[in-house]
PDB file of N, CA and C in Angstrom:
ATOM      1  N   MET A   1      71.586  -3.342 -49.571  1.00  0.00           N
ATOM      2  CA  MET A   1      71.173  -4.332 -48.639  1.00  0.00           C
ATOM      3  C   MET A   1      69.711  -3.906 -48.097  1.00  0.00           C
ATOM      4  N   TYR A   2      68.722  -4.695 -48.067  1.00  0.00           N
ATOM      5  CA  TYR A   2      67.464  -4.277 -47.481  1.00  0.00           C
ATOM      6  C   TYR A   2      66.904  -5.546 -46.894  1.00  0.00           C
ATOM      7  N   ALA A   3      65.877  -5.229 -46.037  1.00  0.00           N
ATOM      8  CA  ALA A   3      65.080  -6.271 -45.326  1.00  0.00           C
ATOM      9  C   ALA A   3      63.628  -5.974 -45.423  1.00  0.00           C
ATOM     10  N   VAL A   4      62.858  -6.986 -45.334  1.00  0.00           N
ATOM     11  CA  VAL A   4      61.358  -6.958 -45.278  1.00  0.00           C
ATOM     12  C   VAL A   4      60.990  -7.450 -43.803  1.00  0.00           C
ATOM     13  N   ILE A   5      60.236  -6.599 -43.047  1.00  0.00           N
ATOM     14  CA  ILE A   5      59.827  -6.951 -41.714  1.00  0.00           C
ATOM     15  C   ILE A   5      58.366  -6.922 -41.578  1.00  0.00           C
ATOM     16  N   ASN A   6      57.717  -7.587 -40.565  1.00  0.00           N
ATOM     17  CA  ASN A   6      56.356  -7.531 -40.277  1.00  0.00           C
ATOM     18  C   ASN A   6      56.206  -6.562 -39.196  1.00  0.00           C
ATOM     19  N   VAL A   7      55.311  -5.440 -39.436  1.00  0.00           N
ATOM     20  CA  VAL A   7      55.042  -4.508 -38.480  1.00  0.00           C
ATOM     21  C   VAL A   7      53.386  -4.205 -38.391  1.00  0.00           C
ATOM     22  N   SER A   8      52.781  -4.542 -37.364  1.00  0.00           N
ATOM     23  CA  SER A   8      51.342  -4.291 -37.286  1.00  0.00           C
ATOM     24  C   SER A   8      50.495  -4.911 -38.371  1.00  0.00           C
ATOM     25  N   GLY A   9      50.870  -6.205 -38.700  1.00  0.00           N
ATOM     26  CA  GLY A   9      50.154  -6.971 -39.729  1.00  0.00           C
ATOM     27  C   GLY A   9      50.520  -6.520 -41.190  1.00  0.00           C
ATOM     28  N   ARG A  10      51.528  -5.719 -41.312  1.00  0.00           N
ATOM     29  CA  ARG A  10      51.811  -5.282 -42.666  1.00  0.00           C
ATOM     30  C   ARG A  10      53.390  -5.683 -42.808  1.00  0.00           C
ATOM     31  N   GLN A  11      53.811  -5.720 -44.091  1.00  0.00           N
ATOM     32  CA  GLN A  11      55.219  -5.904 -44.306  1.00  0.00           C
ATOM     33  C   GLN A  11      55.757  -4.650 -44.966  1.00  0.00           C
ATOM     34  N   GLU A  12      56.959  -4.324 -44.413  1.00  0.00           N
ATOM     35  CA  GLU A  12      57.586  -3.073 -44.768  1.00  0.00           C
ATOM     36  C   GLU A  12      58.998  -3.342 -45.344  1.00  0.00           C
ATOM     37  N   LYS A  13      59.508  -2.698 -46.389  1.00  0.00           N
ATOM     38  CA  LYS A  13      60.751  -2.890 -46.837  1.00  0.00           C
ATOM     39  C   LYS A  13      61.534  -1.768 -46.159  1.00  0.00           C
ATOM     40  N   VAL A  14      62.691  -2.171 -45.569  1.00  0.00           N
ATOM     41  CA  VAL A  14      63.530  -1.272 -44.915  1.00  0.00           C
ATOM     42  C   VAL A  14      64.981  -1.340 -45.161  1.00  0.00           C
ATOM     43  N   VAL A  15      65.692  -0.192 -45.145  1.00  0.00           N
ATOM     44  CA  VAL A  15      67.137  -0.030 -45.375  1.00  0.00           C
ATOM     45  C   VAL A  15      67.736   0.488 -44.182  1.00  0.00           C
ATOM     46  N   PRO A  16      68.873   0.177 -43.646  1.00  0.00           N
ATOM     47  CA  PRO A  16      69.578   0.845 -42.527  1.00  0.00           C
ATOM     48  C   PRO A  16      69.744   2.338 -42.800  1.00  0.00           C
ATOM     49  N   GLY A  17      69.335   3.104 -41.707  1.00  0.00           N
ATOM     50  CA  GLY A  17      69.418   4.442 -41.830  1.00  0.00           C
ATOM     51  C   GLY A  17      68.124   5.287 -42.357  1.00  0.00           C
ATOM     52  N   GLU A  18      67.190   4.429 -42.793  1.00  0.00           N
ATOM     53  CA  GLU A  18      65.988   5.030 -43.381  1.00  0.00           C
ATOM     54  C   GLU A  18      64.896   5.220 -42.277  1.00  0.00           C
ATOM     55  N   THR A  19      64.058   6.334 -42.475  1.00  0.00           N
ATOM     56  CA  THR A  19      63.060   6.532 -41.482  1.00  0.00           C
ATOM     57  C   THR A  19      61.765   6.119 -42.156  1.00  0.00           C
ATOM     58  N   ILE A  20      60.943   5.231 -41.378  1.00  0.00           N
ATOM     59  CA  ILE A  20      59.642   4.791 -41.830  1.00  0.00           C
ATOM     60  C   ILE A  20      58.520   5.208 -41.044  1.00  0.00           C
ATOM     61  N   THR A  21      57.234   5.373 -41.573  1.00  0.00           N
ATOM     62  CA  THR A  21      56.170   5.797 -40.781  1.00  0.00           C
ATOM     63  C   THR A  21      55.332   4.608 -40.690  1.00  0.00           C
ATOM     64  N   ILE A  22      54.962   4.140 -39.380  1.00  0.00           N
ATOM     65  CA  ILE A  22      54.123   2.984 -39.136  1.00  0.00           C
ATOM     66  C   ILE A  22      52.952   3.273 -38.222  1.00  0.00           C
ATOM     67  N   GLU A  23      52.161   2.423 -37.913  1.00  0.00           N
ATOM     68  CA  GLU A  23      51.065   2.555 -36.932  1.00  0.00           C
ATOM     69  C   GLU A  23      51.697   2.785 -35.565  1.00  0.00           C
ATOM     70  N   LYS A  24      51.005   3.456 -34.648  1.00  0.00           N
ATOM     71  CA  LYS A  24      51.528   3.917 -33.349  1.00  0.00           C
ATOM     72  C   LYS A  24      52.046   2.767 -32.510  1.00  0.00           C
ATOM     73  N   LEU A  25      53.315   2.881 -32.086  1.00  0.00           N
ATOM     74  CA  LEU A  25      53.970   1.838 -31.279  1.00  0.00           C
ATOM     75  C   LEU A  25      53.980   2.515 -29.816  1.00  0.00           C
ATOM     76  N   GLU A  26      53.997   1.550 -28.782  1.00  0.00           N
ATOM     77  CA  GLU A  26      54.245   2.067 -27.479  1.00  0.00           C
ATOM     78  C   GLU A  26      55.673   2.325 -27.225  1.00  0.00           C
ATOM     79  N   GLY A  27      55.859   3.394 -26.428  1.00  0.00           N
ATOM     80  CA  GLY A  27      57.326   3.691 -26.183  1.00  0.00           C
ATOM     81  C   GLY A  27      57.436   5.225 -26.302  1.00  0.00           C
ATOM     82  N   ASN A  28      58.582   5.689 -25.789  1.00  0.00           N
ATOM     83  CA  ASN A  28      58.911   7.132 -25.806  1.00  0.00           C
ATOM     84  C   ASN A  28      59.921   7.470 -26.914  1.00  0.00           C
ATOM     85  N   VAL A  29      60.028   8.633 -27.282  1.00  0.00           N
ATOM     86  CA  VAL A  29      60.967   9.134 -28.308  1.00  0.00           C
ATOM     87  C   VAL A  29      62.331   8.734 -27.763  1.00  0.00           C
ATOM     88  N   GLY A  30      63.192   8.240 -28.551  1.00  0.00           N
ATOM     89  CA  GLY A  30      64.569   7.692 -28.282  1.00  0.00           C
ATOM     90  C   GLY A  30      64.727   6.411 -27.854  1.00  0.00           C
ATOM     91  N   ASP A  31      63.491   5.647 -27.609  1.00  0.00           N
ATOM     92  CA  ASP A  31      63.473   4.275 -27.145  1.00  0.00           C
ATOM     93  C   ASP A  31      63.930   3.350 -28.451  1.00  0.00           C
ATOM     94  N   ILE A  32      64.577   2.256 -28.098  1.00  0.00           N
ATOM     95  CA  ILE A  32      64.848   1.234 -29.153  1.00  0.00           C
ATOM     96  C   ILE A  32      63.865   0.119 -29.217  1.00  0.00           C
ATOM     97  N   VAL A  33      63.215  -0.124 -30.445  1.00  0.00           N
ATOM     98  CA  VAL A  33      62.233  -1.077 -30.726  1.00  0.00           C
ATOM     99  C   VAL A  33      62.897  -2.184 -31.478  1.00  0.00           C
ATOM    100  N   SER A  34      62.449  -3.465 -31.085  1.00  0.00           N
ATOM    101  CA  SER A  34      62.885  -4.595 -31.894  1.00  0.00           C
ATOM    102  C   SER A  34      61.756  -5.147 -32.746  1.00  0.00           C
ATOM    103  N   PHE A  35      62.033  -5.426 -33.992  1.00  0.00           N
ATOM    104  CA  PHE A  35      60.952  -5.979 -34.979  1.00  0.00           C
ATOM    105  C   PHE A  35      61.142  -7.469 -35.001  1.00  0.00           C
ATOM    106  N   GLY A  36      62.155  -8.010 -34.448  1.00  0.00           N
ATOM    107  CA  GLY A  36      62.321  -9.472 -34.484  1.00  0.00           C
ATOM    108  C   GLY A  36      63.051  -9.915 -35.768  1.00  0.00           C
ATOM    109  N   ALA A  37      62.990 -11.163 -36.132  1.00  0.00           N
ATOM    110  CA  ALA A  37      63.646 -11.686 -37.415  1.00  0.00           C
ATOM    111  C   ALA A  37      62.928 -11.152 -38.603  1.00  0.00           C
ATOM    112  N   PRO A  38      63.698 -10.848 -39.649  1.00  0.00           N
ATOM    113  CA  PRO A  38      62.998 -10.446 -40.840  1.00  0.00           C
ATOM    114  C   PRO A  38      62.460 -11.474 -41.644  1.00  0.00           C
ATOM    115  N   VAL A  39      61.423 -11.199 -42.407  1.00  0.00           N
ATOM    116  CA  VAL A  39      60.842 -12.029 -43.396  1.00  0.00           C
ATOM    117  C   VAL A  39      61.859 -12.388 -44.515  1.00  0.00           C
ATOM    118  N   LEU A  40      62.519 -11.359 -44.991  1.00  0.00           N
ATOM    119  CA  LEU A  40      63.545 -11.508 -46.096  1.00  0.00           C
ATOM    120  C   LEU A  40      64.656 -10.666 -45.782  1.00  0.00           C
ATOM    121  N   LEU A  41      65.808 -11.095 -45.979  1.00  0.00           N
ATOM    122  CA  LEU A  41      67.069 -10.318 -45.886  1.00  0.00           C
ATOM    123  C   LEU A  41      67.848 -10.416 -47.202  1.00  0.00           C
ATOM    124  N   ALA A  42      67.948  -9.307 -47.963  1.00  0.00           N
ATOM    125  CA  ALA A  42      68.639  -9.432 -49.231  1.00  0.00           C
ATOM    126  C   ALA A  42      70.252  -9.362 -49.098  1.00  0.00           C
ATOM    127  N   ASP A  43      70.880  -9.983 -49.917  1.00  0.00           N
ATOM    128  CA  ASP A  43      72.417  -9.959 -50.061  1.00  0.00           C
ATOM    129  C   ASP A  43      73.024 -10.372 -48.834  1.00  0.00           C
ATOM    130  N   ILE A  44      72.397 -11.305 -48.045  1.00  0.00           N
ATOM    131  CA  ILE A  44      73.044 -12.071 -46.942  1.00  0.00           C
ATOM    132  C   ILE A  44      72.645 -13.589 -46.971  1.00  0.00           C
ATOM    133  N   ASP A  45      73.602 -14.414 -46.486  1.00  0.00           N
ATOM    134  CA  ASP A  45      73.448 -15.810 -46.368  1.00  0.00           C
ATOM    135  C   ASP A  45      72.231 -16.098 -45.591  1.00  0.00           C
ATOM    136  N   ILE A  46      71.539 -17.287 -45.814  1.00  0.00           N
ATOM    137  CA  ILE A  46      70.335 -17.649 -45.221  1.00  0.00           C
ATOM    138  C   ILE A  46      70.625 -17.896 -43.685  1.00  0.00           C
ATOM    139  N   GLU A  47      71.732 -18.486 -43.354  1.00  0.00           N
ATOM    140  CA  GLU A  47      71.941 -18.729 -41.951  1.00  0.00           C
ATOM    141  C   GLU A  47      72.048 -17.478 -41.067  1.00  0.00           C
ATOM    142  N   LEU A  48      72.728 -16.370 -41.685  1.00  0.00           N
ATOM    143  CA  LEU A  48      72.883 -15.080 -41.003  1.00  0.00           C
ATOM    144  C   LEU A  48      71.538 -14.418 -40.895  1.00  0.00           C
ATOM    145  N   ALA A  49      70.646 -14.572 -41.959  1.00  0.00           N
ATOM    146  CA  ALA A  49      69.296 -13.980 -41.915  1.00  0.00           C
ATOM    147  C   ALA A  49      68.376 -14.557 -40.841  1.00  0.00           C
ATOM    148  N   ALA A  50      68.577 -15.808 -40.567  1.00  0.00           N
ATOM    149  CA  ALA A  50      67.771 -16.330 -39.580  1.00  0.00           C
ATOM    150  C   ALA A  50      68.080 -15.911 -38.084  1.00  0.00           C
ATOM    151  N   LYS A  51      69.419 -15.632 -37.954  1.00  0.00           N
ATOM    152  CA  LYS A  51      69.868 -15.132 -36.730  1.00  0.00           C
ATOM    153  C   LYS A  51      69.852 -13.732 -36.439  1.00  0.00           C
ATOM    154  N   SER A  52      69.584 -12.922 -37.420  1.00  0.00           N
ATOM    155  CA  SER A  52      69.674 -11.511 -37.319  1.00  0.00           C
ATOM    156  C   SER A  52      68.299 -10.842 -36.754  1.00  0.00           C
ATOM    157  N   GLU A  53      68.397  -9.730 -36.175  1.00  0.00           N
ATOM    158  CA  GLU A  53      67.260  -9.010 -35.546  1.00  0.00           C
ATOM    159  C   GLU A  53      67.258  -7.623 -35.958  1.00  0.00           C
ATOM    160  N   ILE A  54      66.135  -7.011 -36.448  1.00  0.00           N
ATOM    161  CA  ILE A  54      66.008  -5.771 -36.978  1.00  0.00           C
ATOM    162  C   ILE A  54      65.670  -4.771 -35.733  1.00  0.00           C
ATOM    163  N   LYS A  55      66.239  -3.755 -35.547  1.00  0.00           N
ATOM    164  CA  LYS A  55      65.970  -2.752 -34.543  1.00  0.00           C
ATOM    165  C   LYS A  55      65.800  -1.481 -35.038  1.00  0.00           C
ATOM    166  N   GLY A  56      65.047  -0.532 -34.306  1.00  0.00           N
ATOM    167  CA  GLY A  56      64.829   0.813 -34.716  1.00  0.00           C
ATOM    168  C   GLY A  56      64.687   1.734 -33.643  1.00  0.00           C
ATOM    169  N   LYS A  57      64.914   3.006 -33.898  1.00  0.00           N
ATOM    170  CA  LYS A  57      64.851   4.034 -32.804  1.00  0.00           C
ATOM    171  C   LYS A  57      63.589   4.881 -33.004  1.00  0.00           C
ATOM    172  N   ILE A  58      62.710   5.185 -32.060  1.00  0.00           N
ATOM    173  CA  ILE A  58      61.660   5.961 -32.253  1.00  0.00           C
ATOM    174  C   ILE A  58      62.035   7.234 -32.279  1.00  0.00           C
ATOM    175  N   VAL A  59      61.602   7.988 -33.428  1.00  0.00           N
ATOM    176  CA  VAL A  59      62.013   9.495 -33.746  1.00  0.00           C
ATOM    177  C   VAL A  59      60.920  10.389 -33.247  1.00  0.00           C
ATOM    178  N   GLU A  60      59.556  10.141 -33.662  1.00  0.00           N
ATOM    179  CA  GLU A  60      58.461  10.975 -33.148  1.00  0.00           C
ATOM    180  C   GLU A  60      57.156  10.171 -33.251  1.00  0.00           C
ATOM    181  N   HIS A  61      56.258  10.824 -32.471  1.00  0.00           N
ATOM    182  CA  HIS A  61      54.883  10.295 -32.556  1.00  0.00           C
ATOM    183  C   HIS A  61      54.049  11.442 -33.169  1.00  0.00           C
ATOM    184  N   GLY A  62      52.902  11.067 -33.853  1.00  0.00           N
ATOM    185  CA  GLY A  62      52.146  12.156 -34.372  1.00  0.00           C
ATOM    186  C   GLY A  62      50.763  11.581 -34.914  1.00  0.00           C
ATOM    187  N   LYS A  63      50.055  12.530 -35.596  1.00  0.00           N
ATOM    188  CA  LYS A  63      48.619  12.188 -36.141  1.00  0.00           C
ATOM    189  C   LYS A  63      48.765  12.422 -37.575  1.00  0.00           C
ATOM    190  N   GLY A  64      48.132  11.724 -38.322  1.00  0.00           N
ATOM    191  CA  GLY A  64      47.997  11.816 -39.859  1.00  0.00           C
ATOM    192  C   GLY A  64      46.964  12.824 -40.221  1.00  0.00           C
ATOM    193  N   ASP A  65      46.705  13.044 -41.429  1.00  0.00           N
ATOM    194  CA  ASP A  65      45.691  13.962 -42.001  1.00  0.00           C
ATOM    195  C   ASP A  65      44.322  13.349 -41.617  1.00  0.00           C
ATOM    196  N   LYS A  66      43.364  14.312 -41.569  1.00  0.00           N
ATOM    197  CA  LYS A  66      41.985  13.922 -41.222  1.00  0.00           C
ATOM    198  C   LYS A  66      41.339  13.368 -42.516  1.00  0.00           C
ATOM    199  N   VAL A  67      40.631  12.225 -42.214  1.00  0.00           N
ATOM    200  CA  VAL A  67      39.859  11.607 -43.225  1.00  0.00           C
ATOM    201  C   VAL A  67      38.456  11.847 -42.849  1.00  0.00           C
ATOM    202  N   LEU A  68      37.573  12.327 -43.728  1.00  0.00           N
ATOM    203  CA  LEU A  68      36.244  12.526 -43.447  1.00  0.00           C
ATOM    204  C   LEU A  68      35.346  11.516 -44.197  1.00  0.00           C
ATOM    205  N   VAL A  69      34.390  11.065 -43.280  1.00  0.00           N
ATOM    206  CA  VAL A  69      33.418  10.004 -43.803  1.00  0.00           C
ATOM    207  C   VAL A  69      31.991  10.764 -43.833  1.00  0.00           C
ATOM    208  N   PHE A  70      31.298  10.790 -45.006  1.00  0.00           N
ATOM    209  CA  PHE A  70      30.050  11.394 -44.961  1.00  0.00           C
ATOM    210  C   PHE A  70      29.002  10.506 -45.612  1.00  0.00           C
ATOM    211  N   LYS A  71      28.037  10.325 -44.893  1.00  0.00           N
ATOM    212  CA  LYS A  71      26.879   9.474 -45.265  1.00  0.00           C
ATOM    213  C   LYS A  71      25.618  10.297 -45.453  1.00  0.00           C
ATOM    214  N   LYS A  72      24.851   9.931 -46.573  1.00  0.00           N
ATOM    215  CA  LYS A  72      23.757  10.653 -46.740  1.00  0.00           C
ATOM    216  C   LYS A  72      22.648   9.822 -47.423  1.00  0.00           C
ATOM    217  N   LEU A  73      21.397   9.927 -47.014  1.00  0.00           N
ATOM    218  CA  LEU A  73      20.238   9.276 -47.760  1.00  0.00           C
ATOM    219  C   LEU A  73      19.275  10.347 -48.160  1.00  0.00           C
ATOM    220  N   ARG A  74      19.172  10.531 -49.503  1.00  0.00           N
ATOM    221  CA  ARG A  74      18.403  11.655 -50.025  1.00  0.00           C
ATOM    222  C   ARG A  74      16.934  11.372 -49.752  1.00  0.00           C
ATOM    223  N   ARG A  75      16.224  12.404 -49.476  1.00  0.00           N
ATOM    224  CA  ARG A  75      14.742  12.577 -49.168  1.00  0.00           C
ATOM    225  C   ARG A  75      14.371  11.847 -47.829  1.00  0.00           C
ATOM    226  N   LYS A  76      15.437  11.514 -47.058  1.00  0.00           N
ATOM    227  CA  LYS A  76      15.171  10.951 -45.613  1.00  0.00           C
ATOM    228  C   LYS A  76      15.735  11.803 -44.499  1.00  0.00           C
ATOM    229  N   ARG A  77      16.218  12.883 -44.830  1.00  0.00           N
ATOM    230  CA  ARG A  77      16.777  13.833 -43.783  1.00  0.00           C
ATOM    231  C   ARG A  77      17.823  13.158 -42.982  1.00  0.00           C
ATOM    232  N   TYR A  78      18.670  12.300 -43.690  1.00  0.00           N
ATOM    233  CA  TYR A  78      19.797  11.661 -42.902  1.00  0.00           C
ATOM    234  C   TYR A  78      21.097  11.990 -43.339  1.00  0.00           C
ATOM    235  N   MET A  79      21.941  12.570 -42.571  1.00  0.00           N
ATOM    236  CA  MET A  79      23.237  12.929 -42.862  1.00  0.00           C
ATOM    237  C   MET A  79      24.116  12.728 -41.680  1.00  0.00           C
ATOM    238  N   ARG A  80      25.294  12.115 -41.882  1.00  0.00           N
ATOM    239  CA  ARG A  80      26.303  11.891 -40.776  1.00  0.00           C
ATOM    240  C   ARG A  80      27.713  12.227 -41.383  1.00  0.00           C
ATOM    241  N   LYS A  81      28.403  12.941 -40.560  1.00  0.00           N
ATOM    242  CA  LYS A  81      29.825  13.473 -40.918  1.00  0.00           C
ATOM    243  C   LYS A  81      30.637  12.981 -39.728  1.00  0.00           C
ATOM    244  N   LYS A  82      31.642  12.293 -40.132  1.00  0.00           N
ATOM    245  CA  LYS A  82      32.615  11.756 -39.106  1.00  0.00           C
ATOM    246  C   LYS A  82      34.052  11.960 -39.577  1.00  0.00           C
ATOM    247  N   GLY A  83      34.973  12.242 -38.732  1.00  0.00           N
ATOM    248  CA  GLY A  83      36.299  12.495 -39.011  1.00  0.00           C
ATOM    249  C   GLY A  83      37.181  11.523 -38.286  1.00  0.00           C
ATOM    250  N   HIS A  84      38.411  11.281 -38.822  1.00  0.00           N
ATOM    251  CA  HIS A  84      39.351  10.295 -38.237  1.00  0.00           C
ATOM    252  C   HIS A  84      40.762  10.750 -38.485  1.00  0.00           C
ATOM    253  N   ARG A  85      41.581  10.650 -37.535  1.00  0.00           N
ATOM    254  CA  ARG A  85      43.050  10.945 -37.652  1.00  0.00           C
ATOM    255  C   ARG A  85      43.740   9.777 -37.115  1.00  0.00           C
ATOM    256  N   GLN A  86      44.494   9.105 -37.992  1.00  0.00           N
ATOM    257  CA  GLN A  86      45.279   7.814 -37.551  1.00  0.00           C
ATOM    258  C   GLN A  86      46.618   8.291 -36.811  1.00  0.00           C
ATOM    259  N   GLN A  87      46.912   7.729 -35.621  1.00  0.00           N
ATOM    260  CA  GLN A  87      48.040   8.071 -34.986  1.00  0.00           C
ATOM    261  C   GLN A  87      49.233   7.170 -35.573  1.00  0.00           C
ATOM    262  N   TYR A  88      50.411   7.698 -35.662  1.00  0.00           N
ATOM    263  CA  TYR A  88      51.596   7.113 -36.266  1.00  0.00           C
ATOM    264  C   TYR A  88      52.845   7.211 -35.528  1.00  0.00           C
ATOM    265  N   THR A  89      53.766   6.589 -35.744  1.00  0.00           N
ATOM    266  CA  THR A  89      55.118   6.585 -35.204  1.00  0.00           C
ATOM    267  C   THR A  89      56.219   6.545 -36.246  1.00  0.00           C
ATOM    268  N   LYS A  90      57.190   7.506 -36.252  1.00  0.00           N
ATOM    269  CA  LYS A  90      58.260   7.472 -37.174  1.00  0.00           C
ATOM    270  C   LYS A  90      59.397   6.853 -36.460  1.00  0.00           C
ATOM    271  N   VAL A  91      59.980   5.773 -37.080  1.00  0.00           N
ATOM    272  CA  VAL A  91      61.155   4.896 -36.631  1.00  0.00           C
ATOM    273  C   VAL A  91      62.216   4.985 -37.594  1.00  0.00           C
ATOM    274  N   GLU A  92      63.421   5.186 -36.975  1.00  0.00           N
ATOM    275  CA  GLU A  92      64.732   5.256 -37.790  1.00  0.00           C
ATOM    276  C   GLU A  92      65.209   3.832 -37.710  1.00  0.00           C
ATOM    277  N   ILE A  93      65.557   3.182 -38.814  1.00  0.00           N
ATOM    278  CA  ILE A  93      66.032   1.718 -38.766  1.00  0.00           C
ATOM    279  C   ILE A  93      67.519   1.803 -38.481  1.00  0.00           C
ATOM    280  N   LEU A  94      68.004   0.977 -37.471  1.00  0.00           N
ATOM    281  CA  LEU A  94      69.436   0.917 -37.145  1.00  0.00           C
ATOM    282  C   LEU A  94      69.990  -0.223 -37.871  1.00  0.00           C
ATOM    283  N   LYS A  95      71.393  -0.197 -37.953  1.00  0.00           N
ATOM    284  CA  LYS A  95      72.076  -1.320 -38.617  1.00  0.00           C
ATOM    285  C   LYS A  95      71.828  -2.664 -38.015  1.00  0.00           C
ATOM    286  N   TRP A  96      71.847  -3.758 -38.780  1.00  0.00           N
ATOM    287  CA  TRP A  96      71.653  -5.056 -38.080  1.00  0.00           C
ATOM    288  C   TRP A  96      72.790  -5.918 -38.312  1.00  0.00           C
TER     289      TRP A  96
END
């Protein structure tokens, strides 16, 4: 049994007990987060799928790997180097 949920403008396929990594959510470690009604709920009647609600527990917050952006124009003495680390949240999906 699995579900597809909308999180931060993306669709994620989740299974109860699974830990997923998504963009940073507000809340502390141990808080329960509600993702609302799922887009798709497999192996369940349609009436039950409309009434169900997917919830998760925040496991940790962190930063991803650094991504470097380098721009250069040859013969113009133009070089720019910029780094970025995306913040993320790990969420454990609870039973629905």
